[in-house]
Amino acid sequence: MKLKLAGHLSRGSGKVNEDAVGFIGDPEDVKAAWALDGVTGINDKGLGLMGSDAQWFVARIDHHLRALLPGAADLPGAMSELIDRLIDDLGQHRLPEKYDPPAACIAAVCRIGGTWQAVRLGDCRLIASDHCGFQRIVDFPNDDFDHWITAEAMRLRASGVSDLKEMVRTLQPALFANRRKRNRTGGYGVIEADRACLAFAEYLELDDPSPVLLASDGFFRLVDHYHDLSEAELLARVAKPGEIETLYARLRALEAGDPDCRRFPRFKPQDDASAVALVA
């Protein structure tokens, strides 16, 4: 089944956009598509790669996907090769002792033979409609920590701390402790230059899907933070040409109307937002 591009965007919330979206093929006949979300670094100083470690890591993933997905026999094999290539990439750079390594999240689909395969690793979101009904890979094991860190951020704001960098410094011990749970038993999975992450990848086969939405958690805030739309409503909207841009404007308007995060409690007042939608 052919899918075409209904819309896509990737917009940063600050000077550096650590998200990305991409697709392979013609916009009228897409072969594969993905949304990537770099995990914001918490080190005192980055490696000096591009705008940030996360932006560099996302760029490497995007580069490798463009080479690996055309002609891929299956997504698990492509993901395995992706991690090996990322290990080689990071091996060219010396990480300081006790350094939090770069990481990212992905939601992707790829047409392999006559079927569409999907993968999610990290907290990107995938929702779709196919012959089996409404399909979703949305929930994430680290959500409980995200709720806790949001509560701590609100407590700090109430005490007069409003600068995000100062919050990160204050919460750095808890953030580092949580990062050590990445790709470990009882923890949560993200893309790292570590083959252990492959055990956390979630795969799904889609039966003639349409529409399909791949999004970073920053774009998905319309559903799970701001409760502006249900998952089904969001999926129906993004299938319409130009609607992703409209929804992005709505997202930023909601955030601009709540700069102190009081109406919608959250750690980051804004996050990078990315989405790509496909339709038959």
C-alpha atoms as a PDB file:
ATOM      1  CA  MET A   1       0.000   0.000   0.000  1.00  0.00           C
ATOM      2  CA  LYS A   2       1.362   3.407  -0.972  1.00  0.00           C
ATOM      3  CA  LEU A   3       1.416   6.300   1.492  1.00  0.00           C
ATOM      4  CA  LYS A   4       2.012   9.936   0.665  1.00  0.00           C
ATOM      5  CA  LEU A   5       3.248  12.793   2.783  1.00  0.00           C
ATOM      6  CA  ALA A   6       0.412  14.750   4.410  1.00  0.00           C
ATOM      7  CA  GLY A   7       2.716  17.155   6.209  1.00  0.00           C
ATOM      8  CA  HIS A   8       5.842  17.463   8.307  1.00  0.00           C
ATOM      9  CA  LEU A   9       7.715  19.977  10.441  1.00  0.00           C
ATOM     10  CA  SER A  10      10.476  20.196  13.010  1.00  0.00           C
ATOM     11  CA  ARG A  11      10.760  23.393  15.029  1.00  0.00           C
ATOM     12  CA  GLY A  12      13.028  24.166  17.946  1.00  0.00           C
ATOM     13  CA  SER A  13      12.039  25.853  21.169  1.00  0.00           C
ATOM     14  CA  GLY A  14      15.324  27.737  21.473  1.00  0.00           C
ATOM     15  CA  LYS A  15      18.542  28.432  19.589  1.00  0.00           C
ATOM     16  CA  VAL A  16      19.219  24.760  18.873  1.00  0.00           C
ATOM     17  CA  ASN A  17      16.636  22.339  17.505  1.00  0.00           C
ATOM     18  CA  GLU A  18      17.472  18.861  18.801  1.00  0.00           C
ATOM     19  CA  ASP A  19      14.565  17.230  16.916  1.00  0.00           C
ATOM     20  CA  ALA A  20      14.391  16.140  13.291  1.00  0.00           C
ATOM     21  CA  VAL A  21      12.004  14.510  10.849  1.00  0.00           C
ATOM     22  CA  GLY A  22      12.794  12.761   7.601  1.00  0.00           C
ATOM     23  CA  PHE A  23      11.418  10.580   4.869  1.00  0.00           C
ATOM     24  CA  ILE A  24      12.643   8.519   1.919  1.00  0.00           C
ATOM     25  CA  GLY A  25      11.018   8.413  -1.475  1.00  0.00           C
ATOM     26  CA  ASP A  26       8.760  10.776  -3.359  1.00  0.00           C
ATOM     27  CA  PRO A  27       6.233  12.830  -1.328  1.00  0.00           C
ATOM     28  CA  GLU A  28       3.543  10.984  -3.301  1.00  0.00           C
ATOM     29  CA  ASP A  29       5.107   7.579  -2.595  1.00  0.00           C
ATOM     30  CA  VAL A  30       6.935   7.539   0.717  1.00  0.00           C
ATOM     31  CA  LYS A  31       9.093   4.487   1.444  1.00  0.00           C
ATOM     32  CA  ALA A  32       9.972   5.315   5.063  1.00  0.00           C
ATOM     33  CA  ALA A  33       9.535   8.177   7.518  1.00  0.00           C
ATOM     34  CA  TRP A  34      10.740   9.041  11.004  1.00  0.00           C
ATOM     35  CA  ALA A  35      10.600  11.551  13.831  1.00  0.00           C
ATOM     36  CA  LEU A  36      13.655  11.999  16.075  1.00  0.00           C
ATOM     37  CA  ASP A  37      13.979  13.737  19.434  1.00  0.00           C
ATOM     38  CA  GLY A  38      17.420  14.316  20.915  1.00  0.00           C
ATOM     39  CA  VAL A  39      17.728  13.865  24.672  1.00  0.00           C
ATOM     40  CA  THR A  40      18.819  17.230  26.072  1.00  0.00           C
ATOM     41  CA  GLY A  41      22.243  16.991  27.691  1.00  0.00           C
ATOM     42  CA  ILE A  42      22.723  17.600  31.418  1.00  0.00           C
ATOM     43  CA  ASN A  43      26.528  17.771  31.427  1.00  0.00           C
ATOM     44  CA  ASP A  44      28.160  21.000  32.572  1.00  0.00           C
ATOM     45  CA  LYS A  45      29.884  21.194  29.175  1.00  0.00           C
ATOM     46  CA  GLY A  46      29.127  19.397  25.908  1.00  0.00           C
ATOM     47  CA  LEU A  47      31.512  17.802  23.432  1.00  0.00           C
ATOM     48  CA  GLY A  48      31.390  20.826  21.121  1.00  0.00           C
ATOM     49  CA  LEU A  49      29.674  18.925  18.309  1.00  0.00           C
ATOM     50  CA  MET A  50      27.243  21.067  16.250  1.00  0.00           C
ATOM     51  CA  GLY A  51      24.865  23.086  18.433  1.00  0.00           C
ATOM     52  CA  SER A  52      24.744  20.398  21.122  1.00  0.00           C
ATOM     53  CA  ASP A  53      25.555  16.736  21.690  1.00  0.00           C
ATOM     54  CA  ALA A  54      21.894  15.852  21.097  1.00  0.00           C
ATOM     55  CA  GLN A  55      21.689  17.774  17.824  1.00  0.00           C
ATOM     56  CA  TRP A  56      24.828  16.017  16.560  1.00  0.00           C
ATOM     57  CA  PHE A  57      23.537  12.601  17.609  1.00  0.00           C
ATOM     58  CA  VAL A  58      20.180  13.170  15.897  1.00  0.00           C
ATOM     59  CA  ALA A  59      21.974  14.299  12.734  1.00  0.00           C
ATOM     60  CA  ARG A  60      24.014  11.079  12.725  1.00  0.00           C
ATOM     61  CA  ILE A  61      20.865   8.960  13.184  1.00  0.00           C
ATOM     62  CA  ASP A  62      19.117  10.809  10.355  1.00  0.00           C
ATOM     63  CA  HIS A  63      22.159  10.306   8.119  1.00  0.00           C
ATOM     64  CA  HIS A  64      22.329   6.573   8.809  1.00  0.00           C
ATOM     65  CA  LEU A  65      18.580   6.008   8.364  1.00  0.00           C
ATOM     66  CA  ARG A  66      18.783   7.444   4.855  1.00  0.00           C
ATOM     67  CA  ALA A  67      21.393   4.819   4.015  1.00  0.00           C
ATOM     68  CA  LEU A  68      19.929   1.861   5.921  1.00  0.00           C
ATOM     69  CA  LEU A  69      16.191   1.933   5.300  1.00  0.00           C
ATOM     70  CA  PRO A  70      16.136   1.703   1.492  1.00  0.00           C
ATOM     71  CA  GLY A  71      16.262  -1.999   0.785  1.00  0.00           C
ATOM     72  CA  ALA A  72      16.077  -3.008   4.475  1.00  0.00           C
ATOM     73  CA  ALA A  73      14.987  -6.623   4.979  1.00  0.00           C
ATOM     74  CA  ASP A  74      13.356  -5.791   8.320  1.00  0.00           C
ATOM     75  CA  LEU A  75      13.405  -3.029  10.916  1.00  0.00           C
ATOM     76  CA  PRO A  76      15.129  -4.993  13.717  1.00  0.00           C
ATOM     77  CA  GLY A  77      18.058  -5.613  11.394  1.00  0.00           C
ATOM     78  CA  ALA A  78      18.192  -1.960  10.349  1.00  0.00           C
ATOM     79  CA  MET A  79      18.079  -0.825  13.979  1.00  0.00           C
ATOM     80  CA  SER A  80      20.902  -3.216  14.883  1.00  0.00           C
ATOM     81  CA  GLU A  81      23.084  -1.801  12.106  1.00  0.00           C
ATOM     82  CA  LEU A  82      22.127   1.752  13.136  1.00  0.00           C
ATOM     83  CA  ILE A  83      23.427   1.205  16.666  1.00  0.00           C
ATOM     84  CA  ASP A  84      26.674  -0.297  15.384  1.00  0.00           C
ATOM     85  CA  ARG A  85      27.225   2.771  13.214  1.00  0.00           C
ATOM     86  CA  LEU A  86      26.480   5.101  16.128  1.00  0.00           C
ATOM     87  CA  ILE A  87      28.994   3.219  18.269  1.00  0.00           C
ATOM     88  CA  ASP A  88      31.583   3.888  15.564  1.00  0.00           C
ATOM     89  CA  ASP A  89      30.571   7.564  15.383  1.00  0.00           C
ATOM     90  CA  LEU A  90      30.848   8.151  19.127  1.00  0.00           C
ATOM     91  CA  GLY A  91      34.063   6.126  19.316  1.00  0.00           C
ATOM     92  CA  GLN A  92      35.777   8.891  17.378  1.00  0.00           C
ATOM     93  CA  HIS A  93      35.244  11.276  20.307  1.00  0.00           C
ATOM     94  CA  ARG A  94      36.685  10.961  23.791  1.00  0.00           C
ATOM     95  CA  LEU A  95      34.051  11.271  26.493  1.00  0.00           C
ATOM     96  CA  PRO A  96      35.108  12.760  29.840  1.00  0.00           C
ATOM     97  CA  GLU A  97      34.806  10.589  32.949  1.00  0.00           C
ATOM     98  CA  LYS A  98      31.260  10.324  34.378  1.00  0.00           C
ATOM     99  CA  TYR A  99      29.855  11.914  31.214  1.00  0.00           C
ATOM    100  CA  ASP A 100      26.193  11.537  30.261  1.00  0.00           C
ATOM    101  CA  PRO A 101      26.464  10.257  26.663  1.00  0.00           C
ATOM    102  CA  PRO A 102      24.255  11.578  23.850  1.00  0.00           C
ATOM    103  CA  ALA A 103      20.929   9.842  23.293  1.00  0.00           C
ATOM    104  CA  ALA A 104      17.765  10.245  21.262  1.00  0.00           C
ATOM    105  CA  CYS A 105      14.272   8.881  20.673  1.00  0.00           C
ATOM    106  CA  ILE A 106      12.704   7.621  17.453  1.00  0.00           C
ATOM    107  CA  ALA A 107       9.368   6.696  15.945  1.00  0.00           C
ATOM    108  CA  ALA A 108       9.613   5.369  12.393  1.00  0.00           C
ATOM    109  CA  VAL A 109       7.732   3.427   9.737  1.00  0.00           C
ATOM    110  CA  CYS A 110       9.135   1.642   6.704  1.00  0.00           C
ATOM    111  CA  ARG A 111       7.503  -0.199   3.830  1.00  0.00           C
ATOM    112  CA  ILE A 112       9.198  -3.582   3.554  1.00  0.00           C
ATOM    113  CA  GLY A 113       7.828  -5.829   0.851  1.00  0.00           C
ATOM    114  CA  GLY A 114       4.082  -5.356   0.914  1.00  0.00           C
ATOM    115  CA  THR A 115       3.824  -4.429   4.591  1.00  0.00           C
ATOM    116  CA  TRP A 116       4.491  -1.410   6.765  1.00  0.00           C
ATOM    117  CA  GLN A 117       6.675  -1.972   9.812  1.00  0.00           C
ATOM    118  CA  ALA A 118       6.965   0.486  12.691  1.00  0.00           C
ATOM    119  CA  VAL A 119       9.493   0.966  15.473  1.00  0.00           C
ATOM    120  CA  ARG A 120       9.577   3.159  18.575  1.00  0.00           C
ATOM    121  CA  LEU A 121      12.528   3.537  20.923  1.00  0.00           C
ATOM    122  CA  GLY A 122      12.307   6.296  23.514  1.00  0.00           C
ATOM    123  CA  ASP A 123       9.399   8.652  24.110  1.00  0.00           C
ATOM    124  CA  CYS A 124       8.475   9.672  20.565  1.00  0.00           C
ATOM    125  CA  ARG A 125       4.845   8.850  19.730  1.00  0.00           C
ATOM    126  CA  LEU A 126       3.300   6.741  16.996  1.00  0.00           C
ATOM    127  CA  ILE A 127      -0.427   6.594  16.303  1.00  0.00           C
ATOM    128  CA  ALA A 128      -2.122   5.157  13.227  1.00  0.00           C
ATOM    129  CA  SER A 129      -5.311   3.710  11.879  1.00  0.00           C
ATOM    130  CA  ASP A 130      -5.207   0.432   9.957  1.00  0.00           C
ATOM    131  CA  HIS A 131      -7.400  -2.568   9.163  1.00  0.00           C
ATOM    132  CA  CYS A 132      -7.002  -3.768  12.761  1.00  0.00           C
ATOM    133  CA  GLY A 133      -8.260  -0.484  14.213  1.00  0.00           C
ATOM    134  CA  PHE A 134      -6.535   2.327  16.129  1.00  0.00           C
ATOM    135  CA  GLN A 135      -2.851   1.576  16.706  1.00  0.00           C
ATOM    136  CA  ARG A 136      -0.719   3.414  19.246  1.00  0.00           C
ATOM    137  CA  ILE A 137       2.755   3.294  20.756  1.00  0.00           C
ATOM    138  CA  VAL A 138       2.503   6.177  23.179  1.00  0.00           C
ATOM    139  CA  ASP A 139       3.051   5.175  26.821  1.00  0.00           C
ATOM    140  CA  PHE A 140       6.605   5.287  28.156  1.00  0.00           C
ATOM    141  CA  PRO A 141       8.168   3.701  31.274  1.00  0.00           C
ATOM    142  CA  ASN A 142       9.884   6.955  32.289  1.00  0.00           C
ATOM    143  CA  ASP A 143       6.614   8.893  32.502  1.00  0.00           C
ATOM    144  CA  ASP A 144       6.537   8.577  36.313  1.00  0.00           C
ATOM    145  CA  PHE A 145       9.910  10.317  36.583  1.00  0.00           C
ATOM    146  CA  ASP A 146       8.704  13.001  34.186  1.00  0.00           C
ATOM    147  CA  HIS A 147       5.735  13.639  36.480  1.00  0.00           C
ATOM    148  CA  TRP A 148       8.092  13.876  39.471  1.00  0.00           C
ATOM    149  CA  ILE A 149      10.504  16.252  37.744  1.00  0.00           C
ATOM    150  CA  THR A 150       7.553  18.415  36.689  1.00  0.00           C
ATOM    151  CA  ALA A 151       6.403  18.659  40.310  1.00  0.00           C
ATOM    152  CA  GLU A 152       9.926  19.614  41.391  1.00  0.00           C
ATOM    153  CA  ALA A 153      10.118  22.254  38.670  1.00  0.00           C
ATOM    154  CA  MET A 154       6.827  23.746  39.841  1.00  0.00           C
ATOM    155  CA  ARG A 155       8.135  23.793  43.425  1.00  0.00           C
ATOM    156  CA  LEU A 156      11.277  25.629  42.299  1.00  0.00           C
ATOM    157  CA  ARG A 157       9.250  28.130  40.279  1.00  0.00           C
ATOM    158  CA  ALA A 158       7.090  28.815  43.336  1.00  0.00           C
ATOM    159  CA  SER A 159      10.267  29.519  45.323  1.00  0.00           C
ATOM    160  CA  GLY A 160      11.412  32.079  42.747  1.00  0.00           C
ATOM    161  CA  VAL A 161      13.616  29.965  40.452  1.00  0.00           C
ATOM    162  CA  SER A 162      12.469  30.598  36.885  1.00  0.00           C
ATOM    163  CA  ASP A 163      15.603  30.010  34.778  1.00  0.00           C
ATOM    164  CA  LEU A 164      15.588  26.530  33.215  1.00  0.00           C
ATOM    165  CA  LYS A 165      19.388  26.183  33.346  1.00  0.00           C
ATOM    166  CA  GLU A 166      19.353  26.954  37.068  1.00  0.00           C
ATOM    167  CA  MET A 167      16.641  24.333  37.536  1.00  0.00           C
ATOM    168  CA  VAL A 168      18.744  21.759  35.702  1.00  0.00           C
ATOM    169  CA  ARG A 169      21.720  22.535  37.958  1.00  0.00           C
ATOM    170  CA  THR A 170      19.554  22.144  41.062  1.00  0.00           C
ATOM    171  CA  LEU A 171      18.007  18.899  39.865  1.00  0.00           C
ATOM    172  CA  GLN A 172      21.176  17.517  38.261  1.00  0.00           C
ATOM    173  CA  PRO A 173      21.778  14.725  40.837  1.00  0.00           C
ATOM    174  CA  ALA A 174      18.257  13.362  40.282  1.00  0.00           C
ATOM    175  CA  LEU A 175      18.587  13.749  36.520  1.00  0.00           C
ATOM    176  CA  PHE A 176      21.899  11.870  36.458  1.00  0.00           C
ATOM    177  CA  ALA A 177      20.448   9.088  38.622  1.00  0.00           C
ATOM    178  CA  ASN A 178      17.546   8.730  36.217  1.00  0.00           C
ATOM    179  CA  ARG A 179      19.835   8.752  33.180  1.00  0.00           C
ATOM    180  CA  ARG A 180      21.713   5.775  34.661  1.00  0.00           C
ATOM    181  CA  LYS A 181      18.486   3.745  34.279  1.00  0.00           C
ATOM    182  CA  ARG A 182      18.594   4.112  30.495  1.00  0.00           C
ATOM    183  CA  ASN A 183      18.686   0.793  28.680  1.00  0.00           C
ATOM    184  CA  ARG A 184      18.985  -1.141  31.931  1.00  0.00           C
ATOM    185  CA  THR A 185      16.669  -3.775  33.420  1.00  0.00           C
ATOM    186  CA  GLY A 186      13.807  -2.058  35.202  1.00  0.00           C
ATOM    187  CA  GLY A 187      14.545   1.222  33.456  1.00  0.00           C
ATOM    188  CA  TYR A 188      13.624   2.645  30.068  1.00  0.00           C
ATOM    189  CA  GLY A 189      15.001   2.602  26.544  1.00  0.00           C
ATOM    190  CA  VAL A 190      16.402   5.305  24.275  1.00  0.00           C
ATOM    191  CA  ILE A 191      18.781   5.241  21.330  1.00  0.00           C
ATOM    192  CA  GLU A 192      22.361   5.244  22.578  1.00  0.00           C
ATOM    193  CA  ALA A 193      25.684   4.096  21.183  1.00  0.00           C
ATOM    194  CA  ASP A 194      25.131   0.914  23.173  1.00  0.00           C
ATOM    195  CA  ARG A 195      23.643  -2.335  21.862  1.00  0.00           C
ATOM    196  CA  ALA A 196      21.761  -2.761  25.149  1.00  0.00           C
ATOM    197  CA  CYS A 197      19.190  -0.276  23.837  1.00  0.00           C
ATOM    198  CA  LEU A 198      18.010  -2.721  21.171  1.00  0.00           C
ATOM    199  CA  ALA A 199      16.210  -4.806  23.818  1.00  0.00           C
ATOM    200  CA  PHE A 200      13.884  -1.845  24.463  1.00  0.00           C
ATOM    201  CA  ALA A 201      12.797  -1.212  20.858  1.00  0.00           C
ATOM    202  CA  GLU A 202       9.062  -1.687  20.253  1.00  0.00           C
ATOM    203  CA  TYR A 203       7.934  -3.037  16.883  1.00  0.00           C
ATOM    204  CA  LEU A 204       4.533  -3.110  15.229  1.00  0.00           C
ATOM    205  CA  GLU A 205       3.296  -4.327  11.855  1.00  0.00           C
ATOM    206  CA  LEU A 206       0.646  -2.095  10.295  1.00  0.00           C
ATOM    207  CA  ASP A 207      -1.991  -3.514   7.939  1.00  0.00           C
ATOM    208  CA  ASP A 208      -2.679  -0.932   5.189  1.00  0.00           C
ATOM    209  CA  PRO A 209      -2.363   2.043   7.561  1.00  0.00           C
ATOM    210  CA  SER A 210      -3.819   5.494   6.942  1.00  0.00           C
ATOM    211  CA  PRO A 211      -3.282   7.951   8.442  1.00  0.00           C
ATOM    212  CA  VAL A 212      -0.020   7.579  10.369  1.00  0.00           C
ATOM    213  CA  LEU A 213       1.490  10.143  12.738  1.00  0.00           C
ATOM    214  CA  LEU A 214       5.057  10.078  14.049  1.00  0.00           C
ATOM    215  CA  ALA A 215       5.770  12.819  16.580  1.00  0.00           C
ATOM    216  CA  SER A 216       8.176  13.983  19.240  1.00  0.00           C
ATOM    217  CA  ASP A 217       6.794  14.359  22.747  1.00  0.00           C
ATOM    218  CA  GLY A 218       6.996  18.136  22.327  1.00  0.00           C
ATOM    219  CA  PHE A 219       4.397  18.051  19.538  1.00  0.00           C
ATOM    220  CA  PHE A 220       2.314  15.436  21.350  1.00  0.00           C
ATOM    221  CA  ARG A 221       1.851  17.862  24.253  1.00  0.00           C
ATOM    222  CA  LEU A 222      -1.352  18.891  22.474  1.00  0.00           C
ATOM    223  CA  VAL A 223      -2.766  15.581  23.720  1.00  0.00           C
ATOM    224  CA  ASP A 224      -1.049  14.566  26.949  1.00  0.00           C
ATOM    225  CA  HIS A 225      -0.148  17.939  28.499  1.00  0.00           C
ATOM    226  CA  TYR A 226      -2.683  20.428  27.223  1.00  0.00           C
ATOM    227  CA  HIS A 227      -5.575  18.021  26.573  1.00  0.00           C
ATOM    228  CA  ASP A 228      -6.514  20.121  23.568  1.00  0.00           C
ATOM    229  CA  LEU A 229      -7.222  17.059  21.401  1.00  0.00           C
ATOM    230  CA  SER A 230      -7.681  13.338  21.872  1.00  0.00           C
ATOM    231  CA  GLU A 231      -5.302  10.956  20.120  1.00  0.00           C
ATOM    232  CA  ALA A 232      -7.995  10.095  17.562  1.00  0.00           C
ATOM    233  CA  GLU A 233      -8.770  13.769  16.932  1.00  0.00           C
ATOM    234  CA  LEU A 234      -5.084  14.575  16.462  1.00  0.00           C
ATOM    235  CA  LEU A 235      -4.668  11.724  13.981  1.00  0.00           C
ATOM    236  CA  ALA A 236      -7.689  12.863  11.979  1.00  0.00           C
ATOM    237  CA  ARG A 237      -6.438  16.449  11.902  1.00  0.00           C
ATOM    238  CA  VAL A 238      -2.865  15.763  10.749  1.00  0.00           C
ATOM    239  CA  ALA A 239      -4.185  13.826   7.737  1.00  0.00           C
ATOM    240  CA  LYS A 240      -5.373  17.116   6.217  1.00  0.00           C
ATOM    241  CA  PRO A 241      -2.903  19.158   4.119  1.00  0.00           C
ATOM    242  CA  GLY A 242      -1.376  22.051   6.058  1.00  0.00           C
ATOM    243  CA  GLU A 243      -2.925  20.981   9.338  1.00  0.00           C
ATOM    244  CA  ILE A 244       0.348  20.134  11.065  1.00  0.00           C
ATOM    245  CA  GLU A 245       1.391  23.782  10.718  1.00  0.00           C
ATOM    246  CA  THR A 246      -1.963  24.900  12.152  1.00  0.00           C
ATOM    247  CA  LEU A 247      -1.611  22.528  15.077  1.00  0.00           C
ATOM    248  CA  TYR A 248       1.937  23.707  15.716  1.00  0.00           C
ATOM    249  CA  ALA A 249       0.709  27.311  15.903  1.00  0.00           C
ATOM    250  CA  ARG A 250      -1.979  26.171  18.353  1.00  0.00           C
ATOM    251  CA  LEU A 251       0.663  24.415  20.458  1.00  0.00           C
ATOM    252  CA  ARG A 252       2.836  27.517  20.729  1.00  0.00           C
ATOM    253  CA  ALA A 253      -0.187  29.724  21.464  1.00  0.00           C
ATOM    254  CA  LEU A 254      -1.137  27.498  24.403  1.00  0.00           C
ATOM    255  CA  GLU A 255       2.412  27.686  25.746  1.00  0.00           C
ATOM    256  CA  ALA A 256       2.665  31.435  25.244  1.00  0.00           C
ATOM    257  CA  GLY A 257      -0.564  31.832  27.197  1.00  0.00           C
ATOM    258  CA  ASP A 258       0.931  29.961  30.150  1.00  0.00           C
ATOM    259  CA  PRO A 259       4.565  31.132  30.410  1.00  0.00           C
ATOM    260  CA  ASP A 260       4.818  30.284  34.122  1.00  0.00           C
ATOM    261  CA  CYS A 261       3.548  26.718  33.574  1.00  0.00           C
ATOM    262  CA  ARG A 262       0.762  27.213  36.121  1.00  0.00           C
ATOM    263  CA  ARG A 263      -2.211  26.171  34.020  1.00  0.00           C
ATOM    264  CA  PHE A 264      -0.268  23.313  32.426  1.00  0.00           C
ATOM    265  CA  PRO A 265       2.478  22.148  34.830  1.00  0.00           C
ATOM    266  CA  ARG A 266       5.631  21.119  32.932  1.00  0.00           C
ATOM    267  CA  PHE A 267       9.399  21.108  33.334  1.00  0.00           C
ATOM    268  CA  LYS A 268      10.191  22.949  30.093  1.00  0.00           C
ATOM    269  CA  PRO A 269       7.894  25.883  29.238  1.00  0.00           C
ATOM    270  CA  GLN A 270       8.424  24.882  25.577  1.00  0.00           C
ATOM    271  CA  ASP A 271      10.016  21.875  23.926  1.00  0.00           C
ATOM    272  CA  ASP A 272      11.217  21.170  20.405  1.00  0.00           C
ATOM    273  CA  ALA A 273       8.243  19.936  18.372  1.00  0.00           C
ATOM    274  CA  SER A 274       8.328  17.618  15.372  1.00  0.00           C
ATOM    275  CA  ALA A 275       5.768  15.603  13.441  1.00  0.00           C
ATOM    276  CA  VAL A 276       5.374  13.778  10.142  1.00  0.00           C
ATOM    277  CA  ALA A 277       2.041  12.472   8.870  1.00  0.00           C
ATOM    278  CA  LEU A 278       1.323   9.981   6.075  1.00  0.00           C
ATOM    279  CA  VAL A 279      -1.966   9.167   4.314  1.00  0.00           C
ATOM    280  CA  ALA A 280      -3.083   6.809   1.594  1.00  0.00           C
END
